[in-house]
Amino acid sequence: METEYIDLVSKIIAAEHTAQEIAREAQEKQQSLDADLERDIAHMREDYFARAKHRIEAVEKAERKGAEEDIAKLDKRLKDAMDKVERAYQQNKDQWVDTLFFRIVGGRS
């Protein structure tokens, strides 16, 4: 009976050691999986931010180009308007001076 008791206690102790080993392995596996998951998440985050940065740069480039084109169009319109005013001035300056002179002088008489 004593031998059976010793065998039973030995089996219980062996089972406990086996259970502890399984628990330790499971914990190590969990830690490994957690580390892998964190590494994967970090990699995915880096990829996402790299793609986002690339898209932002592309949009900025397109917007800058559009703004430069708009500015060039406005500059051309301004130059055309200034040229038109200059031509009108060159064609009509004597008449404008005479008109102003007579309005000013004529208004005092």
PDB file of N, CA and C in Angstrom:
ATOM      1  N   MET A   1       0.814  -1.175   0.000  1.00  0.00           N
ATOM      2  CA  MET A   1       0.000   0.000   0.000  1.00  0.00           C
ATOM      3  C   MET A   1       0.870   1.255   0.000  1.00  0.00           C
ATOM      4  N   GLU A   2       1.916   1.208   0.769  1.00  0.00           N
ATOM      5  CA  GLU A   2       2.823   2.329   0.849  1.00  0.00           C
ATOM      6  C   GLU A   2       3.476   2.567  -0.508  1.00  0.00           C
ATOM      7  N   THR A   3       3.796   1.521  -1.209  1.00  0.00           N
ATOM      8  CA  THR A   3       4.397   1.633  -2.535  1.00  0.00           C
ATOM      9  C   THR A   3       3.398   2.264  -3.499  1.00  0.00           C
ATOM     10  N   GLU A   4       2.167   1.852  -3.374  1.00  0.00           N
ATOM     11  CA  GLU A   4       1.140   2.436  -4.242  1.00  0.00           C
ATOM     12  C   GLU A   4       0.988   3.929  -3.952  1.00  0.00           C
ATOM     13  N   TYR A   5       1.067   4.251  -2.662  1.00  0.00           N
ATOM     14  CA  TYR A   5       0.962   5.652  -2.254  1.00  0.00           C
ATOM     15  C   TYR A   5       2.140   6.445  -2.817  1.00  0.00           C
ATOM     16  N   ILE A   6       3.342   5.897  -2.735  1.00  0.00           N
ATOM     17  CA  ILE A   6       4.541   6.558  -3.252  1.00  0.00           C
ATOM     18  C   ILE A   6       4.440   6.687  -4.766  1.00  0.00           C
ATOM     19  N   ASP A   7       3.978   5.635  -5.443  1.00  0.00           N
ATOM     20  CA  ASP A   7       3.802   5.692  -6.899  1.00  0.00           C
ATOM     21  C   ASP A   7       2.774   6.765  -7.271  1.00  0.00           C
ATOM     22  N   LEU A   8       1.706   6.819  -6.506  1.00  0.00           N
ATOM     23  CA  LEU A   8       0.654   7.799  -6.776  1.00  0.00           C
ATOM     24  C   LEU A   8       1.180   9.223  -6.586  1.00  0.00           C
ATOM     25  N   VAL A   9       1.923   9.445  -5.499  1.00  0.00           N
ATOM     26  CA  VAL A   9       2.507  10.766  -5.241  1.00  0.00           C
ATOM     27  C   VAL A   9       3.517  11.097  -6.339  1.00  0.00           C
ATOM     28  N   SER A  10       4.319  10.126  -6.756  1.00  0.00           N
ATOM     29  CA  SER A  10       5.299  10.346  -7.829  1.00  0.00           C
ATOM     30  C   SER A  10       4.597  10.715  -9.125  1.00  0.00           C
ATOM     31  N   LYS A  11       3.503  10.023  -9.422  1.00  0.00           N
ATOM     32  CA  LYS A  11       2.740  10.330 -10.643  1.00  0.00           C
ATOM     33  C   LYS A  11       2.129  11.729 -10.555  1.00  0.00           C
ATOM     34  N   ILE A  12       1.640  12.078  -9.372  1.00  0.00           N
ATOM     35  CA  ILE A  12       1.059  13.414  -9.191  1.00  0.00           C
ATOM     36  C   ILE A  12       2.139  14.476  -9.371  1.00  0.00           C
ATOM     37  N   ILE A  13       3.308  14.245  -8.787  1.00  0.00           N
ATOM     38  CA  ILE A  13       4.421  15.195  -8.915  1.00  0.00           C
ATOM     39  C   ILE A  13       4.865  15.281 -10.372  1.00  0.00           C
ATOM     40  N   ALA A  14       4.962  14.145 -11.051  1.00  0.00           N
ATOM     41  CA  ALA A  14       5.351  14.132 -12.467  1.00  0.00           C
ATOM     42  C   ALA A  14       4.313  14.876 -13.302  1.00  0.00           C
ATOM     43  N   ALA A  15       3.038  14.644 -12.997  1.00  0.00           N
ATOM     44  CA  ALA A  15       1.967  15.335 -13.719  1.00  0.00           C
ATOM     45  C   ALA A  15       2.048  16.843 -13.475  1.00  0.00           C
ATOM     46  N   GLU A  16       2.354  17.217 -12.236  1.00  0.00           N
ATOM     47  CA  GLU A  16       2.498  18.638 -11.891  1.00  0.00           C
ATOM     48  C   GLU A  16       3.661  19.256 -12.661  1.00  0.00           C
ATOM     49  N   HIS A  17       4.800  18.542 -12.728  1.00  0.00           N
ATOM     50  CA  HIS A  17       5.954  19.042 -13.488  1.00  0.00           C
ATOM     51  C   HIS A  17       5.606  19.172 -14.969  1.00  0.00           C
ATOM     52  N   THR A  18       4.908  18.187 -15.480  1.00  0.00           N
ATOM     53  CA  THR A  18       4.489  18.224 -16.885  1.00  0.00           C
ATOM     54  C   THR A  18       3.554  19.405 -17.118  1.00  0.00           C
ATOM     55  N   ALA A  19       2.604  19.604 -16.207  1.00  0.00           N
ATOM     56  CA  ALA A  19       1.666  20.719 -16.331  1.00  0.00           C
ATOM     57  C   ALA A  19       2.404  22.051 -16.263  1.00  0.00           C
ATOM     58  N   GLN A  20       3.383  22.169 -15.359  1.00  0.00           N
ATOM     59  CA  GLN A  20       4.172  23.394 -15.256  1.00  0.00           C
ATOM     60  C   GLN A  20       4.975  23.637 -16.534  1.00  0.00           C
ATOM     61  N   GLU A  21       5.529  22.560 -17.094  1.00  0.00           N
ATOM     62  CA  GLU A  21       6.295  22.676 -18.344  1.00  0.00           C
ATOM     63  C   GLU A  21       5.382  23.129 -19.479  1.00  0.00           C
ATOM     64  N   ILE A  22       4.201  22.542 -19.546  1.00  0.00           N
ATOM     65  CA  ILE A  22       3.235  22.930 -20.585  1.00  0.00           C
ATOM     66  C   ILE A  22       2.830  24.393 -20.396  1.00  0.00           C
ATOM     67  N   ALA A  23       2.588  24.792 -19.152  1.00  0.00           N
ATOM     68  CA  ALA A  23       2.211  26.181 -18.866  1.00  0.00           C
ATOM     69  C   ALA A  23       3.344  27.136 -19.236  1.00  0.00           C
ATOM     70  N   ARG A  24       4.595  26.753 -18.919  1.00  0.00           N
ATOM     71  CA  ARG A  24       5.748  27.587 -19.255  1.00  0.00           C
ATOM     72  C   ARG A  24       5.883  27.730 -20.768  1.00  0.00           C
ATOM     73  N   GLU A  25       5.750  26.603 -21.481  1.00  0.00           N
ATOM     74  CA  GLU A  25       5.840  26.634 -22.939  1.00  0.00           C
ATOM     75  C   GLU A  25       4.726  27.494 -23.533  1.00  0.00           C
ATOM     76  N   ALA A  26       3.528  27.362 -22.965  1.00  0.00           N
ATOM     77  CA  ALA A  26       2.401  28.168 -23.446  1.00  0.00           C
ATOM     78  C   ALA A  26       2.662  29.654 -23.206  1.00  0.00           C
ATOM     79  N   GLN A  27       3.224  29.975 -22.046  1.00  0.00           N
ATOM     80  CA  GLN A  27       3.531  31.365 -21.733  1.00  0.00           C
ATOM     81  C   GLN A  27       4.616  31.900 -22.668  1.00  0.00           C
ATOM     82  N   GLU A  28       5.643  31.096 -22.931  1.00  0.00           N
ATOM     83  CA  GLU A  28       6.701  31.502 -23.862  1.00  0.00           C
ATOM     84  C   GLU A  28       6.125  31.707 -25.258  1.00  0.00           C
ATOM     85  N   LYS A  29       5.255  30.776 -25.666  1.00  0.00           N
ATOM     86  CA  LYS A  29       4.623  30.882 -26.984  1.00  0.00           C
ATOM     87  C   LYS A  29       3.772  32.153 -27.052  1.00  0.00           C
ATOM     88  N   GLN A  30       3.029  32.435 -25.974  1.00  0.00           N
ATOM     89  CA  GLN A  30       2.200  33.639 -25.927  1.00  0.00           C
ATOM     90  C   GLN A  30       3.070  34.891 -26.026  1.00  0.00           C
ATOM     91  N   GLN A  31       4.186  34.911 -25.298  1.00  0.00           N
ATOM     92  CA  GLN A  31       5.100  36.053 -25.351  1.00  0.00           C
ATOM     93  C   GLN A  31       5.686  36.211 -26.749  1.00  0.00           C
ATOM     94  N   SER A  32       6.030  35.080 -27.364  1.00  0.00           N
ATOM     95  CA  SER A  32       6.569  35.113 -28.722  1.00  0.00           C
ATOM     96  C   SER A  32       5.522  35.646 -29.701  1.00  0.00           C
ATOM     97  N   LEU A  33       4.284  35.168 -29.550  1.00  0.00           N
ATOM     98  CA  LEU A  33       3.206  35.642 -30.422  1.00  0.00           C
ATOM     99  C   LEU A  33       2.934  37.127 -30.198  1.00  0.00           C
ATOM    100  N   ASP A  34       2.962  37.559 -28.933  1.00  0.00           N
ATOM    101  CA  ASP A  34       2.768  38.976 -28.635  1.00  0.00           C
ATOM    102  C   ASP A  34       3.864  39.822 -29.284  1.00  0.00           C
ATOM    103  N   ALA A  35       5.110  39.362 -29.180  1.00  0.00           N
ATOM    104  CA  ALA A  35       6.231  40.088 -29.786  1.00  0.00           C
ATOM    105  C   ALA A  35       6.082  40.123 -31.307  1.00  0.00           C
ATOM    106  N   ASP A  36       5.696  38.984 -31.897  1.00  0.00           N
ATOM    107  CA  ASP A  36       5.483  38.934 -33.346  1.00  0.00           C
ATOM    108  C   ASP A  36       4.368  39.891 -33.756  1.00  0.00           C
ATOM    109  N   LEU A  37       3.295  39.893 -32.967  1.00  0.00           N
ATOM    110  CA  LEU A  37       2.169  40.766 -33.265  1.00  0.00           C
ATOM    111  C   LEU A  37       2.581  42.234 -33.175  1.00  0.00           C
ATOM    112  N   GLU A  38       3.308  42.596 -32.146  1.00  0.00           N
ATOM    113  CA  GLU A  38       3.780  43.977 -32.008  1.00  0.00           C
ATOM    114  C   GLU A  38       4.685  44.365 -33.174  1.00  0.00           C
ATOM    115  N   ARG A  39       5.557  43.443 -33.572  1.00  0.00           N
ATOM    116  CA  ARG A  39       6.457  43.699 -34.700  1.00  0.00           C
ATOM    117  C   ARG A  39       5.647  43.861 -35.991  1.00  0.00           C
ATOM    118  N   ASP A  40       4.653  42.993 -36.185  1.00  0.00           N
ATOM    119  CA  ASP A  40       3.808  43.094 -37.380  1.00  0.00           C
ATOM    120  C   ASP A  40       3.025  44.407 -37.394  1.00  0.00           C
ATOM    121  N   ILE A  41       2.494  44.779 -36.234  1.00  0.00           N
ATOM    122  CA  ILE A  41       1.744  46.034 -36.152  1.00  0.00           C
ATOM    123  C   ILE A  41       2.658  47.214 -36.454  1.00  0.00           C
ATOM    124  N   ALA A  42       3.863  47.195 -35.902  1.00  0.00           N
ATOM    125  CA  ALA A  42       4.817  48.283 -36.162  1.00  0.00           C
ATOM    126  C   ALA A  42       5.157  48.348 -37.650  1.00  0.00           C
ATOM    127  N   HIS A  43       5.355  47.195 -38.262  1.00  0.00           N
ATOM    128  CA  HIS A  43       5.671  47.151 -39.696  1.00  0.00           C
ATOM    129  C   HIS A  43       4.491  47.679 -40.517  1.00  0.00           C
ATOM    130  N   MET A  44       3.289  47.247 -40.161  1.00  0.00           N
ATOM    131  CA  MET A  44       2.099  47.716 -40.874  1.00  0.00           C
ATOM    132  C   MET A  44       1.932  49.226 -40.707  1.00  0.00           C
ATOM    133  N   ARG A  45       2.196  49.720 -39.506  1.00  0.00           N
ATOM    134  CA  ARG A  45       2.092  51.158 -39.248  1.00  0.00           C
ATOM    135  C   ARG A  45       3.109  51.919 -40.104  1.00  0.00           C
ATOM    136  N   GLU A  46       4.344  51.424 -40.157  1.00  0.00           N
ATOM    137  CA  GLU A  46       5.372  52.075 -40.975  1.00  0.00           C
ATOM    138  C   GLU A  46       4.966  52.085 -42.444  1.00  0.00           C
ATOM    139  N   ASP A  47       4.463  50.947 -42.928  1.00  0.00           N
ATOM    140  CA  ASP A  47       4.020  50.875 -44.320  1.00  0.00           C
ATOM    141  C   ASP A  47       2.884  51.852 -44.584  1.00  0.00           C
ATOM    142  N   TYR A  48       1.923  51.893 -43.661  1.00  0.00           N
ATOM    143  CA  TYR A  48       0.780  52.788 -43.822  1.00  0.00           C
ATOM    144  C   TYR A  48       1.247  54.241 -43.881  1.00  0.00           C
ATOM    145  N   PHE A  49       2.112  54.628 -42.940  1.00  0.00           N
ATOM    146  CA  PHE A  49       2.585  56.010 -42.924  1.00  0.00           C
ATOM    147  C   PHE A  49       3.436  56.325 -44.154  1.00  0.00           C
ATOM    148  N   ALA A  50       4.199  55.365 -44.626  1.00  0.00           N
ATOM    149  CA  ALA A  50       4.996  55.591 -45.841  1.00  0.00           C
ATOM    150  C   ALA A  50       4.074  55.817 -47.038  1.00  0.00           C
ATOM    151  N   ARG A  51       3.030  54.990 -47.155  1.00  0.00           N
ATOM    152  CA  ARG A  51       2.073  55.164 -48.254  1.00  0.00           C
ATOM    153  C   ARG A  51       1.326  56.490 -48.116  1.00  0.00           C
ATOM    154  N   ALA A  52       0.932  56.816 -46.894  1.00  0.00           N
ATOM    155  CA  ALA A  52       0.220  58.076 -46.663  1.00  0.00           C
ATOM    156  C   ALA A  52       1.115  59.264 -47.014  1.00  0.00           C
ATOM    157  N   LYS A  53       2.383  59.191 -46.611  1.00  0.00           N
ATOM    158  CA  LYS A  53       3.323  60.272 -46.919  1.00  0.00           C
ATOM    159  C   LYS A  53       3.477  60.419 -48.429  1.00  0.00           C
ATOM    160  N   HIS A  54       3.572  59.294 -49.117  1.00  0.00           N
ATOM    161  CA  HIS A  54       3.706  59.327 -50.574  1.00  0.00           C
ATOM    162  C   HIS A  54       2.465  59.969 -51.207  1.00  0.00           C
ATOM    163  N   ARG A  55       1.276  59.577 -50.725  1.00  0.00           N
ATOM    164  CA  ARG A  55       0.044  60.157 -51.269  1.00  0.00           C
ATOM    165  C   ARG A  55      -0.024  61.655 -50.980  1.00  0.00           C
ATOM    166  N   ILE A  56       0.365  62.043 -49.776  1.00  0.00           N
ATOM    167  CA  ILE A  56       0.347  63.465 -49.419  1.00  0.00           C
ATOM    168  C   ILE A  56       1.303  64.245 -50.315  1.00  0.00           C
ATOM    169  N   GLU A  57       2.495  63.697 -50.548  1.00  0.00           N
ATOM    170  CA  GLU A  57       3.462  64.373 -51.422  1.00  0.00           C
ATOM    171  C   GLU A  57       2.912  64.504 -52.835  1.00  0.00           C
ATOM    172  N   ALA A  58       2.231  63.454 -53.318  1.00  0.00           N
ATOM    173  CA  ALA A  58       1.655  63.507 -54.664  1.00  0.00           C
ATOM    174  C   ALA A  58       0.564  64.575 -54.737  1.00  0.00           C
ATOM    175  N   VAL A  59      -0.282  64.642 -53.714  1.00  0.00           N
ATOM    176  CA  VAL A  59      -1.346  65.650 -53.694  1.00  0.00           C
ATOM    177  C   VAL A  59      -0.747  67.052 -53.599  1.00  0.00           C
ATOM    178  N   GLU A  60       0.264  67.220 -52.743  1.00  0.00           N
ATOM    179  CA  GLU A  60       0.918  68.528 -52.624  1.00  0.00           C
ATOM    180  C   GLU A  60       1.527  68.950 -53.954  1.00  0.00           C
ATOM    181  N   LYS A  61       2.163  68.015 -54.638  1.00  0.00           N
ATOM    182  CA  LYS A  61       2.778  68.323 -55.936  1.00  0.00           C
ATOM    183  C   LYS A  61       1.712  68.748 -56.938  1.00  0.00           C
ATOM    184  N   ALA A  62       0.602  67.997 -56.974  1.00  0.00           N
ATOM    185  CA  ALA A  62      -0.480  68.328 -57.903  1.00  0.00           C
ATOM    186  C   ALA A  62      -1.097  69.683 -57.553  1.00  0.00           C
ATOM    187  N   GLU A  63      -1.312  69.930 -56.272  1.00  0.00           N
ATOM    188  CA  GLU A  63      -1.889  71.207 -55.842  1.00  0.00           C
ATOM    189  C   GLU A  63      -0.938  72.360 -56.152  1.00  0.00           C
ATOM    190  N   ARG A  64       0.349  72.152 -55.915  1.00  0.00           N
ATOM    191  CA  ARG A  64       1.340  73.189 -56.209  1.00  0.00           C
ATOM    192  C   ARG A  64       1.343  73.497 -57.706  1.00  0.00           C
ATOM    193  N   LYS A  65       1.303  72.441 -58.523  1.00  0.00           N
ATOM    194  CA  LYS A  65       1.295  72.640 -59.973  1.00  0.00           C
ATOM    195  C   LYS A  65       0.044  73.402 -60.388  1.00  0.00           C
ATOM    196  N   GLY A  66      -1.109  73.007 -59.822  1.00  0.00           N
ATOM    197  CA  GLY A  66      -2.358  73.707 -60.131  1.00  0.00           C
ATOM    198  C   GLY A  66      -2.305  75.169 -59.713  1.00  0.00           C
ATOM    199  N   ALA A  67      -1.751  75.426 -58.538  1.00  0.00           N
ATOM    200  CA  ALA A  67      -1.635  76.807 -58.056  1.00  0.00           C
ATOM    201  C   ALA A  67      -0.704  77.612 -58.955  1.00  0.00           C
ATOM    202  N   GLU A  68       0.408  77.002 -59.374  1.00  0.00           N
ATOM    203  CA  GLU A  68       1.340  77.699 -60.265  1.00  0.00           C
ATOM    204  C   GLU A  68       0.674  78.016 -61.600  1.00  0.00           C
ATOM    205  N   GLU A  69      -0.133  77.071 -62.107  1.00  0.00           N
ATOM    206  CA  GLU A  69      -0.848  77.317 -63.361  1.00  0.00           C
ATOM    207  C   GLU A  69      -1.862  78.446 -63.183  1.00  0.00           C
ATOM    208  N   ASP A  70      -2.584  78.436 -62.056  1.00  0.00           N
ATOM    209  CA  ASP A  70      -3.550  79.506 -61.790  1.00  0.00           C
ATOM    210  C   ASP A  70      -2.850  80.856 -61.683  1.00  0.00           C
ATOM    211  N   ILE A  71      -1.719  80.892 -61.001  1.00  0.00           N
ATOM    212  CA  ILE A  71      -0.965  82.141 -60.861  1.00  0.00           C
ATOM    213  C   ILE A  71      -0.473  82.614 -62.224  1.00  0.00           C
ATOM    214  N   ALA A  72       0.000  81.682 -63.048  1.00  0.00           N
ATOM    215  CA  ALA A  72       0.468  82.051 -64.389  1.00  0.00           C
ATOM    216  C   ALA A  72      -0.683  82.638 -65.212  1.00  0.00           C
ATOM    217  N   LYS A  73      -1.878  82.046 -65.107  1.00  0.00           N
ATOM    218  CA  LYS A  73      -3.046  82.572 -65.829  1.00  0.00           C
ATOM    219  C   LYS A  73      -3.398  83.972 -65.335  1.00  0.00           C
ATOM    220  N   LEU A  74      -3.376  84.142 -64.005  1.00  0.00           N
ATOM    221  CA  LEU A  74      -3.682  85.463 -63.450  1.00  0.00           C
ATOM    222  C   LEU A  74      -2.623  86.485 -63.847  1.00  0.00           C
ATOM    223  N   ASP A  75      -1.360  86.081 -63.850  1.00  0.00           N
ATOM    224  CA  ASP A  75      -0.287  86.980 -64.286  1.00  0.00           C
ATOM    225  C   ASP A  75      -0.492  87.398 -65.740  1.00  0.00           C
ATOM    226  N   LYS A  76      -0.892  86.452 -66.578  1.00  0.00           N
ATOM    227  CA  LYS A  76      -1.132  86.763 -67.993  1.00  0.00           C
ATOM    228  C   LYS A  76      -2.309  87.724 -68.131  1.00  0.00           C
ATOM    229  N   ARG A  77      -3.385  87.466 -67.372  1.00  0.00           N
ATOM    230  CA  ARG A  77      -4.538  88.368 -67.424  1.00  0.00           C
ATOM    231  C   ARG A  77      -4.143  89.773 -66.973  1.00  0.00           C
ATOM    232  N   LEU A  78      -3.339  89.849 -65.920  1.00  0.00           N
ATOM    233  CA  LEU A  78      -2.885  91.150 -65.428  1.00  0.00           C
ATOM    234  C   LEU A  78      -2.027  91.850 -66.477  1.00  0.00           C
ATOM    235  N   LYS A  79      -1.101  91.111 -67.078  1.00  0.00           N
ATOM    236  CA  LYS A  79      -0.237  91.701 -68.109  1.00  0.00           C
ATOM    237  C   LYS A  79      -1.072  92.176 -69.292  1.00  0.00           C
ATOM    238  N   ASP A  80      -2.033  91.339 -69.723  1.00  0.00           N
ATOM    239  CA  ASP A  80      -2.901  91.730 -70.836  1.00  0.00           C
ATOM    240  C   ASP A  80      -3.688  92.994 -70.493  1.00  0.00           C
ATOM    241  N   ALA A  81      -4.211  93.057 -69.267  1.00  0.00           N
ATOM    242  CA  ALA A  81      -4.971  94.236 -68.850  1.00  0.00           C
ATOM    243  C   ALA A  81      -4.069  95.468 -68.802  1.00  0.00           C
ATOM    244  N   MET A  82      -2.866  95.306 -68.272  1.00  0.00           N
ATOM    245  CA  MET A  82      -1.930  96.432 -68.205  1.00  0.00           C
ATOM    246  C   MET A  82      -1.521  96.878 -69.608  1.00  0.00           C
ATOM    247  N   ASP A  83      -1.302  95.924 -70.508  1.00  0.00           N
ATOM    248  CA  ASP A  83      -0.968  96.268 -71.896  1.00  0.00           C
ATOM    249  C   ASP A  83      -2.121  97.030 -72.542  1.00  0.00           C
ATOM    250  N   LYS A  84      -3.349  96.604 -72.277  1.00  0.00           N
ATOM    251  CA  LYS A  84      -4.529  97.265 -72.840  1.00  0.00           C
ATOM    252  C   LYS A  84      -4.635  98.697 -72.310  1.00  0.00           C
ATOM    253  N   VAL A  85      -4.403  98.856 -71.004  1.00  0.00           N
ATOM    254  CA  VAL A  85      -4.437 100.197 -70.413  1.00  0.00           C
ATOM    255  C   VAL A  85      -3.331 101.059 -71.018  1.00  0.00           C
ATOM    256  N   GLU A  86      -2.157 100.496 -71.170  1.00  0.00           N
ATOM    257  CA  GLU A  86      -1.025 101.245 -71.749  1.00  0.00           C
ATOM    258  C   GLU A  86      -1.328 101.659 -73.190  1.00  0.00           C
ATOM    259  N   ARG A  87      -1.907 100.742 -73.975  1.00  0.00           N
ATOM    260  CA  ARG A  87      -2.261 101.076 -75.364  1.00  0.00           C
ATOM    261  C   ARG A  87      -3.317 102.185 -75.396  1.00  0.00           C
ATOM    262  N   ALA A  88      -4.302 102.054 -74.519  1.00  0.00           N
ATOM    263  CA  ALA A  88      -5.347 103.083 -74.463  1.00  0.00           C
ATOM    264  C   ALA A  88      -4.738 104.423 -74.066  1.00  0.00           C
ATOM    265  N   TYR A  89      -3.818 104.394 -73.124  1.00  0.00           N
ATOM    266  CA  TYR A  89      -3.154 105.630 -72.696  1.00  0.00           C
ATOM    267  C   TYR A  89      -2.376 106.237 -73.860  1.00  0.00           C
ATOM    268  N   GLN A  90      -1.597 105.410 -74.554  1.00  0.00           N
ATOM    269  CA  GLN A  90      -0.793 105.914 -75.671  1.00  0.00           C
ATOM    270  C   GLN A  90      -1.690 106.492 -76.773  1.00  0.00           C
ATOM    271  N   GLN A  91      -2.822 105.856 -77.031  1.00  0.00           N
ATOM    272  CA  GLN A  91      -3.715 106.319 -78.100  1.00  0.00           C
ATOM    273  C   GLN A  91      -4.512 107.564 -77.686  1.00  0.00           C
ATOM    274  N   ASN A  92      -4.830 107.667 -76.414  1.00  0.00           N
ATOM    275  CA  ASN A  92      -5.774 108.702 -75.990  1.00  0.00           C
ATOM    276  C   ASN A  92      -5.203 109.737 -75.027  1.00  0.00           C
ATOM    277  N   LYS A  93      -3.900 109.698 -74.767  1.00  0.00           N
ATOM    278  CA  LYS A  93      -3.363 110.568 -73.712  1.00  0.00           C
ATOM    279  C   LYS A  93      -3.594 112.044 -74.007  1.00  0.00           C
ATOM    280  N   ASP A  94      -3.386 112.444 -75.241  1.00  0.00           N
ATOM    281  CA  ASP A  94      -3.578 113.863 -75.564  1.00  0.00           C
ATOM    282  C   ASP A  94      -5.038 114.261 -75.369  1.00  0.00           C
ATOM    283  N   GLN A  95      -5.937 113.430 -75.822  1.00  0.00           N
ATOM    284  CA  GLN A  95      -7.371 113.704 -75.672  1.00  0.00           C
ATOM    285  C   GLN A  95      -7.750 113.736 -74.187  1.00  0.00           C
ATOM    286  N   TRP A  96      -7.221 112.801 -73.398  1.00  0.00           N
ATOM    287  CA  TRP A  96      -7.536 112.752 -71.963  1.00  0.00           C
ATOM    288  C   TRP A  96      -7.007 113.995 -71.250  1.00  0.00           C
ATOM    289  N   VAL A  97      -5.786 114.405 -71.621  1.00  0.00           N
ATOM    290  CA  VAL A  97      -5.210 115.611 -71.011  1.00  0.00           C
ATOM    291  C   VAL A  97      -6.071 116.820 -71.357  1.00  0.00           C
ATOM    292  N   ASP A  98      -6.440 116.934 -72.639  1.00  0.00           N
ATOM    293  CA  ASP A  98      -7.285 118.061 -73.057  1.00  0.00           C
ATOM    294  C   ASP A  98      -8.628 118.035 -72.334  1.00  0.00           C
ATOM    295  N   THR A  99      -9.236 116.858 -72.254  1.00  0.00           N
ATOM    296  CA  THR A  99     -10.539 116.734 -71.592  1.00  0.00           C
ATOM    297  C   THR A  99     -10.432 117.141 -70.135  1.00  0.00           C
ATOM    298  N   LEU A 100      -9.416 116.641 -69.443  1.00  0.00           N
ATOM    299  CA  LEU A 100      -9.233 117.000 -68.032  1.00  0.00           C
ATOM    300  C   LEU A 100      -8.968 118.501 -67.882  1.00  0.00           C
ATOM    301  N   PHE A 101      -8.124 119.013 -68.763  1.00  0.00           N
ATOM    302  CA  PHE A 101      -7.796 120.439 -68.689  1.00  0.00           C
ATOM    303  C   PHE A 101      -9.054 121.297 -68.848  1.00  0.00           C
ATOM    304  N   PHE A 102      -9.847 120.967 -69.860  1.00  0.00           N
ATOM    305  CA  PHE A 102     -11.052 121.765 -70.109  1.00  0.00           C
ATOM    306  C   PHE A 102     -12.096 121.585 -69.013  1.00  0.00           C
ATOM    307  N   ARG A 103     -12.168 120.427 -68.433  1.00  0.00           N
ATOM    308  CA  ARG A 103     -13.117 120.216 -67.328  1.00  0.00           C
ATOM    309  C   ARG A 103     -12.695 121.023 -66.108  1.00  0.00           C
ATOM    310  N   ILE A 104     -11.372 121.020 -65.865  1.00  0.00           N
ATOM    311  CA  ILE A 104     -10.880 121.749 -64.697  1.00  0.00           C
ATOM    312  C   ILE A 104     -10.971 123.255 -64.944  1.00  0.00           C
ATOM    313  N   VAL A 105     -10.447 123.684 -66.062  1.00  0.00           N
ATOM    314  CA  VAL A 105     -10.450 125.110 -66.382  1.00  0.00           C
ATOM    315  C   VAL A 105     -11.873 125.571 -66.683  1.00  0.00           C
ATOM    316  N   GLY A 106     -12.585 124.771 -67.423  1.00  0.00           N
ATOM    317  CA  GLY A 106     -13.961 125.117 -67.781  1.00  0.00           C
ATOM    318  C   GLY A 106     -14.849 125.193 -66.562  1.00  0.00           C
ATOM    319  N   GLY A 107     -14.552 124.421 -65.535  1.00  0.00           N
ATOM    320  CA  GLY A 107     -15.357 124.417 -64.315  1.00  0.00           C
ATOM    321  C   GLY A 107     -15.146 125.665 -63.500  1.00  0.00           C
ATOM    322  N   ARG A 108     -14.053 126.390 -63.692  1.00  0.00           N
ATOM    323  CA  ARG A 108     -13.756 127.598 -62.911  1.00  0.00           C
ATOM    324  C   ARG A 108     -14.313 128.854 -63.574  1.00  0.00           C
ATOM    325  N   SER A 109     -14.654 128.767 -64.800  1.00  0.00           N
ATOM    326  CA  SER A 109     -15.107 129.968 -65.505  1.00  0.00           C
ATOM    327  C   SER A 109     -16.488 130.379 -65.092  1.00  0.00           C
TER     328      SER A 109
END
